[in-house]
Amino acid sequence: MPRQKVTFTNNLGIELAGSLETPKDDTPIRSYALFAHCFTCGKDIAAASRVARALTKHGIAVLRFDFTGLGNSDGDFANTHFSSNIDDLVSAYEMLERNYRAPQLIIGHSLGGTAVLGSAHKMPQIKAVVTIGSPATADHVEHLFTCPTDEMEKDADVEINLGIRKFNVRRQMLDELRKHDDVSYISKLNLPIMVFHSPIDTVVSVNEASKIFQAAKHPKSFVSLDDADHLLSSAKDAEYVAQTLASWADRYLDEVPSADVVADNAVARVKALKHGDVLITEKDKKFLRGLYSDDHQILSDEPKSMGGRNLGPTPYDLLLMALGSCTSMTIRMYANHKKIPLEDVNVTLNHERIHTDDCADCEGESGKIERITRDVELKGDLTDAQRKRLIEIADRCPVHRTLEGDLVIRTREG
C-alpha cells in the first residue's frame, strides 16, 4: 500500500489527517521522514506530495499531514499559532514512533521549515533536518499579512489576505509570531542541517536561508534552487530537492533494517502468522512492544513511573484482561444458551502478591503467592439460583482453567 490515510490526535485531542507515502514493490523501508508544509497550505500541496513520492524511491517513507484547522484536519485555524504547529509536529512524530518507527529525517517547507527547526529538539530519534524556502524566524511571516498589523493589534479577530486566499486569524497569532524573532535556537540543535532556497524566491528572501545557515553548527549544507519559485511548482524542482536531500541524508540515516526489524512494521511476519499464533516485536529499546495476531494489533508498555511511556497496557494488565474477557464471554454464552435474562456483565480484576498466611483459600508453605481477585457484576432480573450458577460458570472460562491447570511453558530459539 504505497499511500495510506492516517489520522491521529494532537495534545488537545484534535484529530489531524495525514498521508503516509511508502516505497512500492515491497521495497524495505529504510527510514521514516516527517514533512511539514508551508503556512496555510496543506499536506497535498504539489511540492510536498512530489518530494514525498521521490523519497520513497530511496526507501524513505514520508508522513505529511494537515496542521490544525487546515485541509482535512479538525480544529479552527483562527485558534492556531506557531507553537501549536510545533505541538502538531511532535504529535505526528509520536504517532509514527508508536505505530511504525520513529522518523529519523524531518523536512519543512516555508514556515513548516521554521517549525521543524523549532521542534526537532523534542524528537530524540531525528538525525537530520532539512528546510526548503524557510524563514529563519517565525516573525518573518508578518510581512505576508496584507492587512495592516496595527489593525490586528487592536482587533481580537481580523481577516487577512495571503496571496489569493483569505483567513480569519486572532491577534494571538501575531503575538506568537513576534516571540520567535531570533535564531539562537538553531545553533542549539546539534543536528546536520541542509538548507534549500531559491535566490529568486519572492515570498521568503534568500537572506533568510543565509541566517539559518550562519546560525547552524556543522555539519551543514546549502543548496541553491536557481530559478525555482517558492512553492516548487515545477515537478523537476521538487524532484531535484528530493534526490539531493536523499543523497545527503544517506550518511546520517541507519542502514536498511534487517528482515526482523522490517517485520516490526507489521508487514512480512504478521502476514505469515497462523491463526492462533501471536507475534511480539520491539517498538523501542525500553518497554514499548507491538502485539500482533493474524487480524489485530495493540501495544503493551509500562507506566512512566517505571521508565515506560504508558502507551499501552502492562503485561499484567493484559493477563487480567485476557482472563476477564474470557470470563465475560463464557458467562454471556451460558446465559444466552439457557435463556437467562442477563442484561449486562462487568468483570473487574486485580493482581497482587500476598503472604499465604493472609489467604484463607491458599494451601502450601508459608511465603508469598500470586493472587487474582475477580469481581463479577451481573445485571438483570435474575433469581438467586441463576446468579449463583453464573458465578460458578465463571470458573469454567478456558483461560481460568489454563491458569489454574498444569501449565507448561516451553522456551526455544525461533
Protein backbone atom coordinates (compact mmCIF):
# COMPACT_ATOMS: atom_id res chain seq x y z
CA MET A 1 0.00 0.00 0.00
CA PRO A 2 2.22 2.86 -1.29
CA ARG A 3 -0.05 5.55 0.16
CA GLN A 4 -2.36 5.27 3.10
CA LYS A 5 -4.50 7.69 5.00
CA VAL A 6 -3.71 8.06 8.69
CA THR A 7 -5.33 10.01 11.48
CA PHE A 8 -4.03 10.88 14.94
CA THR A 9 -4.80 13.35 17.70
CA ASN A 10 -2.66 16.19 18.97
CA ASN A 11 -2.19 17.02 22.65
CA LEU A 12 -5.50 18.94 22.65
CA GLY A 13 -7.43 15.92 21.40
CA ILE A 14 -7.95 17.41 17.92
CA GLU A 15 -7.90 14.84 15.12
CA LEU A 16 -5.33 15.52 12.41
CA ALA A 17 -5.34 13.94 8.94
CA GLY A 18 -2.25 12.72 7.15
CA SER A 19 -0.94 10.66 4.24
CA LEU A 20 1.83 8.11 4.68
CA GLU A 21 3.75 7.54 1.46
CA THR A 22 5.70 4.26 1.45
CA PRO A 23 8.01 2.57 -1.08
CA LYS A 24 6.46 0.41 -3.79
CA ASP A 25 7.12 -3.21 -4.75
CA ASP A 26 7.82 -4.38 -1.20
CA THR A 27 10.99 -2.27 -1.02
CA PRO A 28 12.19 -2.36 2.61
CA ILE A 29 11.56 0.87 4.49
CA ARG A 30 14.95 2.16 5.45
CA SER A 31 13.72 5.13 7.43
CA TYR A 32 10.72 7.36 8.08
CA ALA A 33 10.57 11.08 7.39
CA LEU A 34 8.18 13.76 8.61
CA PHE A 35 7.23 16.59 6.22
CA ALA A 36 5.82 19.93 7.42
CA HIS A 37 4.05 22.02 4.78
CA CYS A 38 4.07 25.78 4.30
CA PHE A 39 1.98 28.35 6.18
CA THR A 40 -1.76 27.98 5.36
CA CYS A 41 -1.00 25.24 2.79
CA GLY A 42 -1.97 21.61 3.20
CA LYS A 43 -0.38 18.18 3.03
CA ASP A 44 -1.46 17.74 -0.60
CA ILE A 45 0.37 20.76 -1.96
CA ALA A 46 2.30 19.68 -5.05
CA ALA A 47 5.74 20.28 -3.54
CA ALA A 48 5.01 18.07 -0.51
CA SER A 49 3.50 15.20 -2.50
CA ARG A 50 6.23 15.28 -5.16
CA VAL A 51 9.07 15.34 -2.64
CA ALA A 52 7.40 12.53 -0.67
CA ARG A 53 6.96 10.32 -3.74
CA ALA A 54 10.55 10.90 -4.81
CA LEU A 55 11.90 9.99 -1.36
CA THR A 56 10.07 6.66 -1.39
CA LYS A 57 12.29 5.63 -4.29
CA HIS A 58 15.16 5.78 -1.80
CA GLY A 59 13.38 3.57 0.75
CA ILE A 60 12.21 6.51 2.85
CA ALA A 61 8.56 6.53 3.95
CA VAL A 62 7.16 10.03 4.38
CA LEU A 63 4.32 11.27 6.56
CA ARG A 64 2.77 14.60 5.57
CA PHE A 65 -0.26 15.90 7.42
CA ASP A 66 -2.56 18.89 7.69
CA PHE A 67 -1.92 21.18 10.63
CA THR A 68 -4.86 22.03 12.90
CA GLY A 69 -7.66 23.81 11.03
CA LEU A 70 -6.23 23.14 7.56
CA GLY A 71 -7.12 20.59 4.88
CA ASN A 72 -8.81 17.51 6.31
CA SER A 73 -7.73 18.12 9.90
CA ASP A 74 -10.18 19.22 12.57
CA GLY A 75 -9.93 22.42 14.57
CA ASP A 76 -10.12 26.13 13.86
CA PHE A 77 -7.20 27.76 12.04
CA ALA A 78 -8.02 31.05 13.77
CA ASN A 79 -7.09 29.46 17.09
CA THR A 80 -3.72 28.21 15.90
CA HIS A 81 -0.29 29.79 16.21
CA PHE A 82 3.34 28.88 15.68
CA SER A 83 3.63 26.97 18.96
CA SER A 84 0.55 24.89 18.11
CA ASN A 85 2.20 23.94 14.80
CA ILE A 86 5.19 22.68 16.76
CA ASP A 87 2.87 20.70 19.03
CA ASP A 88 1.20 19.15 15.97
CA LEU A 89 4.60 18.12 14.61
CA VAL A 90 5.55 16.46 17.89
CA SER A 91 2.22 14.60 17.89
CA ALA A 92 2.92 13.38 14.34
CA TYR A 93 6.38 12.21 15.41
CA GLU A 94 4.93 10.31 18.37
CA MET A 95 2.29 8.67 16.15
CA LEU A 96 4.99 7.35 13.81
CA GLU A 97 7.10 6.21 16.75
CA ARG A 98 4.11 4.47 18.30
CA ASN A 99 2.67 2.75 15.23
CA TYR A 100 5.60 2.39 12.82
CA ARG A 101 9.13 3.59 13.63
CA ALA A 102 10.34 6.94 14.87
CA PRO A 103 11.30 9.18 11.94
CA GLN A 104 15.00 9.99 11.54
CA LEU A 105 14.56 12.73 8.95
CA ILE A 106 12.39 15.85 9.29
CA ILE A 107 11.70 18.23 6.40
CA GLY A 108 9.93 21.58 6.42
CA HIS A 109 8.77 23.83 3.61
CA SER A 110 8.44 27.59 4.17
CA LEU A 111 7.15 28.27 7.71
CA GLY A 112 6.95 24.50 8.10
CA GLY A 113 10.74 24.54 7.96
CA THR A 114 10.88 27.09 10.75
CA ALA A 115 8.58 24.85 12.80
CA VAL A 116 10.83 21.88 12.03
CA LEU A 117 13.85 23.78 13.33
CA GLY A 118 11.90 24.69 16.45
CA SER A 119 10.63 21.18 17.17
CA ALA A 120 13.48 18.82 16.24
CA HIS A 121 15.00 19.00 19.74
CA LYS A 122 11.79 17.42 21.05
CA MET A 123 12.22 14.38 18.79
CA PRO A 124 15.08 12.23 20.12
CA GLN A 125 15.36 9.92 17.09
CA ILE A 126 15.72 12.70 14.49
CA LYS A 127 19.15 12.52 12.84
CA ALA A 128 18.92 15.16 10.09
CA VAL A 129 16.94 18.34 9.38
CA VAL A 130 16.02 19.87 6.01
CA THR A 131 14.44 23.26 5.28
CA ILE A 132 13.05 24.39 1.91
CA GLY A 133 12.42 28.09 1.30
CA SER A 134 12.09 28.67 5.03
CA PRO A 135 12.35 31.86 7.09
CA ALA A 136 14.89 31.80 9.91
CA THR A 137 12.36 33.09 12.43
CA ALA A 138 8.60 32.80 12.64
CA ASP A 139 8.05 36.55 12.86
CA HIS A 140 9.17 36.83 9.23
CA VAL A 141 5.65 35.70 8.22
CA GLU A 142 4.31 39.04 9.40
CA HIS A 143 5.32 40.66 6.13
CA LEU A 144 2.86 38.38 4.30
CA PHE A 145 -0.11 39.98 6.03
CA THR A 146 -1.70 42.43 3.63
CA CYS A 147 -3.87 43.65 6.50
CA PRO A 148 -2.05 46.38 8.50
CA THR A 149 -0.62 44.91 11.70
CA ASP A 150 -1.91 47.85 13.72
CA GLU A 151 -5.40 46.67 12.77
CA MET A 152 -4.55 43.20 14.06
CA GLU A 153 -3.25 44.69 17.29
CA LYS A 154 -6.47 46.49 18.08
CA ASP A 155 -8.89 43.77 16.93
CA ALA A 156 -9.22 40.34 18.50
CA ASP A 157 -10.24 38.82 15.15
CA VAL A 158 -9.26 40.04 11.72
CA GLU A 159 -9.37 38.78 8.15
CA ILE A 160 -6.04 38.70 6.34
CA ASN A 161 -5.12 38.02 2.72
CA LEU A 162 -2.30 35.65 1.96
CA GLY A 163 -1.86 35.67 -1.76
CA ILE A 164 -5.29 34.86 -3.21
CA ARG A 165 -6.56 33.23 -0.01
CA LYS A 166 -8.30 34.83 2.93
CA PHE A 167 -8.11 33.64 6.51
CA ASN A 168 -9.53 34.72 9.83
CA VAL A 169 -6.84 34.95 12.48
CA ARG A 170 -6.65 36.23 16.02
CA ARG A 171 -4.24 38.69 17.49
CA GLN A 172 -2.59 35.90 19.45
CA MET A 173 -1.10 34.67 16.17
CA LEU A 174 0.72 37.98 15.67
CA ASP A 175 1.81 37.99 19.31
CA GLU A 176 3.08 34.41 18.97
CA LEU A 177 5.00 35.11 15.78
CA ARG A 178 6.75 38.08 17.38
CA LYS A 179 8.00 35.88 20.22
CA HIS A 180 10.06 33.91 17.72
CA ASP A 181 12.36 36.63 16.44
CA ASP A 182 15.89 35.32 16.97
CA VAL A 183 17.96 32.46 15.55
CA SER A 184 19.76 31.32 18.69
CA TYR A 185 17.61 28.19 18.89
CA ILE A 186 19.09 26.93 15.60
CA SER A 187 22.63 26.78 16.97
CA LYS A 188 21.45 24.59 19.84
CA LEU A 189 20.11 21.81 17.62
CA ASN A 190 23.44 19.99 17.11
CA LEU A 191 21.97 18.14 14.14
CA PRO A 192 23.06 18.04 10.48
CA ILE A 193 21.08 20.67 8.55
CA MET A 194 20.53 21.09 4.82
CA VAL A 195 19.09 24.40 3.60
CA PHE A 196 17.36 24.66 0.20
CA HIS A 197 16.42 28.10 -1.11
CA SER A 198 15.85 29.86 -4.39
CA PRO A 199 17.67 33.17 -4.93
CA ILE A 200 14.58 34.49 -6.73
CA ASP A 201 12.08 33.46 -4.03
CA THR A 202 9.68 36.41 -3.77
CA VAL A 203 7.85 35.10 -0.70
CA VAL A 204 10.77 34.35 1.61
CA SER A 205 14.00 36.15 0.82
CA VAL A 206 17.12 34.07 0.29
CA ASN A 207 18.64 36.20 3.09
CA GLU A 208 16.57 34.09 5.48
CA ALA A 209 18.39 30.99 4.29
CA SER A 210 21.67 32.75 4.98
CA LYS A 211 20.57 33.41 8.56
CA ILE A 212 19.70 29.74 9.07
CA PHE A 213 22.99 28.59 7.55
CA GLN A 214 25.08 31.01 9.60
CA ALA A 215 23.31 30.09 12.85
CA ALA A 216 23.57 26.34 12.27
CA LYS A 217 26.51 24.30 13.52
CA HIS A 218 28.45 21.95 11.25
CA PRO A 219 27.70 19.68 9.52
CA LYS A 220 25.54 21.95 7.38
CA SER A 221 24.88 22.35 3.67
CA PHE A 222 23.29 24.99 1.45
CA VAL A 223 21.77 24.22 -1.95
CA SER A 224 20.62 26.96 -4.31
CA LEU A 225 17.45 26.14 -6.24
CA ASP A 226 18.33 28.53 -9.04
CA ASP A 227 15.12 29.51 -10.87
CA ALA A 228 12.63 27.67 -8.64
CA ASP A 229 9.66 29.52 -7.18
CA HIS A 230 8.68 29.45 -3.52
CA LEU A 231 6.12 26.66 -3.89
CA LEU A 232 8.35 24.45 -6.05
CA SER A 233 5.60 24.48 -8.64
CA SER A 234 7.80 22.74 -11.20
CA ALA A 235 7.97 18.97 -10.85
CA LYS A 236 11.66 18.98 -11.82
CA ASP A 237 12.47 21.30 -8.90
CA ALA A 238 10.68 19.06 -6.38
CA GLU A 239 12.41 16.00 -7.84
CA TYR A 240 15.79 17.73 -7.60
CA VAL A 241 15.18 18.60 -3.94
CA ALA A 242 14.18 15.02 -3.13
CA GLN A 243 17.12 13.44 -4.95
CA THR A 244 19.63 15.82 -3.40
CA LEU A 245 18.38 15.58 0.16
CA ALA A 246 18.08 11.79 -0.05
CA SER A 247 21.73 11.51 -1.11
CA TRP A 248 22.78 13.98 1.58
CA ALA A 249 20.78 12.27 4.33
CA ASP A 250 22.12 8.84 3.36
CA ARG A 251 25.17 9.19 5.60
CA TYR A 252 23.05 10.08 8.64
CA LEU A 253 20.25 7.51 8.40
CA ASP A 254 20.52 3.98 9.72
CA GLU A 255 21.31 1.16 7.34
CA VAL A 256 18.42 -0.77 5.82
CA PRO A 257 16.93 -2.73 8.75
CA SER A 258 17.20 -6.48 8.88
CA ALA A 259 14.17 -8.56 7.94
CA ASP A 260 13.21 -8.90 11.59
CA VAL A 261 13.19 -5.14 12.15
CA VAL A 262 11.26 -4.52 8.96
CA ALA A 263 8.73 -7.04 10.20
CA ASP A 264 8.22 -4.76 13.19
CA ASN A 265 6.16 -2.64 10.81
CA ALA A 266 3.64 -5.45 10.80
CA VAL A 267 4.42 -6.42 7.22
CA ALA A 268 6.05 -9.74 6.37
CA ARG A 269 5.93 -11.68 9.64
CA VAL A 270 2.41 -10.59 10.54
CA LYS A 271 1.19 -11.79 7.14
CA ALA A 272 2.85 -15.12 7.85
CA LEU A 273 1.15 -15.60 11.23
CA LYS A 274 -1.10 -18.64 11.51
CA HIS A 275 -4.44 -18.33 13.26
CA GLY A 276 -3.81 -18.79 16.97
CA ASP A 277 -0.23 -17.53 16.85
CA VAL A 278 0.79 -14.10 18.14
CA LEU A 279 3.88 -12.00 17.42
CA ILE A 280 5.54 -9.60 19.86
CA THR A 281 8.00 -7.04 18.48
CA GLU A 282 10.07 -4.21 19.93
CA LYS A 283 8.80 -0.69 19.30
CA ASP A 284 11.61 0.93 21.27
CA LYS A 285 14.59 -0.15 23.32
CA LYS A 286 12.73 0.14 26.60
CA PHE A 287 9.29 -1.37 27.21
CA LEU A 288 7.05 -0.46 24.26
CA ARG A 289 6.02 -3.57 22.34
CA GLY A 290 3.84 -4.34 19.35
CA LEU A 291 1.41 -7.23 19.88
CA TYR A 292 0.06 -8.85 16.72
CA SER A 293 -2.32 -11.64 15.85
CA ASP A 294 -3.19 -12.54 12.28
CA ASP A 295 -6.01 -9.95 12.35
CA HIS A 296 -5.29 -7.46 15.17
CA GLN A 297 -2.60 -5.35 16.75
CA ILE A 298 -2.24 -3.47 20.05
CA LEU A 299 0.57 -2.02 22.14
CA SER A 300 1.99 -3.02 25.50
CA ASP A 301 4.10 -0.74 27.69
CA GLU A 302 4.98 0.15 31.25
CA PRO A 303 3.88 3.32 33.10
CA LYS A 304 6.12 6.38 33.07
CA SER A 305 6.98 5.77 36.73
CA MET A 306 8.68 2.54 35.63
CA GLY A 307 10.57 4.13 32.74
CA GLY A 308 7.99 3.44 30.04
CA ARG A 309 5.79 5.85 28.11
CA ASN A 310 2.42 4.47 29.20
CA LEU A 311 1.28 3.91 25.60
CA GLY A 312 -0.41 0.59 26.29
CA PRO A 313 -1.43 -1.89 28.99
CA THR A 314 1.29 -3.58 31.03
CA PRO A 315 1.87 -7.34 30.62
CA TYR A 316 -0.03 -7.99 33.86
CA ASP A 317 -2.86 -5.73 32.69
CA LEU A 318 -3.07 -7.84 29.53
CA LEU A 319 -3.09 -11.03 31.60
CA LEU A 320 -6.02 -9.75 33.65
CA MET A 321 -7.78 -8.53 30.51
CA ALA A 322 -7.43 -12.00 28.95
CA LEU A 323 -8.95 -13.65 32.00
CA GLY A 324 -11.64 -11.01 32.37
CA SER A 325 -12.72 -11.04 28.73
CA CYS A 326 -12.82 -14.83 28.70
CA THR A 327 -14.88 -14.79 31.90
CA SER A 328 -17.36 -12.31 30.46
CA MET A 329 -17.70 -14.25 27.19
CA THR A 330 -18.24 -17.54 29.00
CA ILE A 331 -20.94 -16.11 31.24
CA ARG A 332 -22.69 -14.47 28.28
CA MET A 333 -22.62 -17.64 26.17
CA TYR A 334 -24.11 -19.67 29.02
CA ALA A 335 -26.79 -17.06 29.75
CA ASN A 336 -27.80 -16.90 26.10
CA HIS A 337 -27.89 -20.69 25.80
CA LYS A 338 -30.02 -21.09 28.93
CA LYS A 339 -32.14 -18.01 28.10
CA ILE A 340 -31.23 -16.35 31.40
CA PRO A 341 -32.32 -12.67 31.36
CA LEU A 342 -28.80 -11.30 31.84
CA GLU A 343 -28.79 -7.65 30.75
CA ASP A 344 -25.13 -6.90 31.29
CA VAL A 345 -21.98 -8.30 32.89
CA ASN A 346 -18.92 -6.41 34.14
CA VAL A 347 -15.75 -8.09 35.36
CA THR A 348 -13.14 -6.27 37.45
CA LEU A 349 -9.84 -7.96 38.24
CA ASN A 350 -6.84 -7.27 40.44
CA HIS A 351 -3.48 -8.99 40.77
CA GLU A 352 -1.40 -8.92 43.95
CA ARG A 353 1.33 -10.79 45.77
CA ILE A 354 0.36 -11.75 49.30
CA HIS A 355 1.54 -13.93 52.17
CA THR A 356 -0.08 -17.35 52.35
CA ASP A 357 -0.92 -16.61 55.99
CA ASP A 358 -3.29 -13.87 54.72
CA CYS A 359 -5.03 -16.12 52.21
CA ALA A 360 -7.78 -18.37 53.52
CA ASP A 361 -8.17 -20.10 50.13
CA CYS A 362 -4.48 -20.90 49.69
CA GLU A 363 -2.57 -24.05 50.52
CA GLY A 364 1.13 -24.72 50.74
CA GLU A 365 4.14 -23.48 52.58
CA SER A 366 4.20 -20.10 54.19
CA GLY A 367 5.53 -17.41 51.89
CA LYS A 368 4.37 -15.09 49.14
CA ILE A 369 1.96 -16.23 46.46
CA GLU A 370 0.22 -14.67 43.45
CA ARG A 371 -3.49 -13.97 43.76
CA ILE A 372 -6.02 -12.68 41.23
CA THR A 373 -9.27 -11.34 42.60
CA ARG A 374 -12.16 -11.32 40.13
CA ASP A 375 -15.35 -9.38 40.89
CA VAL A 376 -18.28 -10.19 38.62
CA GLU A 377 -21.22 -7.79 38.42
CA LEU A 378 -24.40 -9.32 36.99
CA LYS A 379 -27.26 -7.06 35.89
CA GLY A 380 -30.78 -8.17 35.16
CA ASP A 381 -33.90 -9.64 36.75
CA LEU A 382 -32.13 -12.77 37.93
CA THR A 383 -33.08 -15.30 40.60
CA ASP A 384 -30.62 -16.18 43.32
CA ALA A 385 -30.15 -19.59 41.71
CA GLN A 386 -29.35 -18.01 38.34
CA ARG A 387 -26.82 -15.66 39.88
CA LYS A 388 -25.15 -18.50 41.74
CA ARG A 389 -24.96 -20.59 38.59
CA LEU A 390 -23.46 -17.80 36.50
CA ILE A 391 -20.75 -17.23 39.12
CA GLU A 392 -19.98 -20.95 39.02
CA ILE A 393 -19.76 -20.78 35.23
CA ALA A 394 -17.14 -18.03 35.53
CA ASP A 395 -14.69 -20.65 36.82
CA ARG A 396 -15.20 -22.67 33.62
CA CYS A 397 -13.70 -19.96 31.47
CA PRO A 398 -10.94 -21.58 29.34
CA VAL A 399 -8.32 -19.02 30.31
CA HIS A 400 -9.18 -19.60 34.01
CA ARG A 401 -8.68 -23.33 33.52
CA THR A 402 -5.37 -22.75 31.73
CA LEU A 403 -4.02 -20.55 34.54
CA GLU A 404 -5.06 -22.99 37.27
CA GLY A 405 -4.20 -26.12 35.31
CA ASP A 406 -0.92 -27.94 34.85
CA LEU A 407 0.53 -25.29 32.58
CA VAL A 408 3.90 -25.94 30.95
CA ILE A 409 5.72 -23.13 29.15
CA ARG A 410 8.49 -24.10 26.73
CA THR A 411 11.02 -21.52 25.56
CA ARG A 412 13.07 -22.12 22.44
CA GLU A 413 15.05 -20.05 19.96
CA GLY A 414 12.94 -19.32 16.89
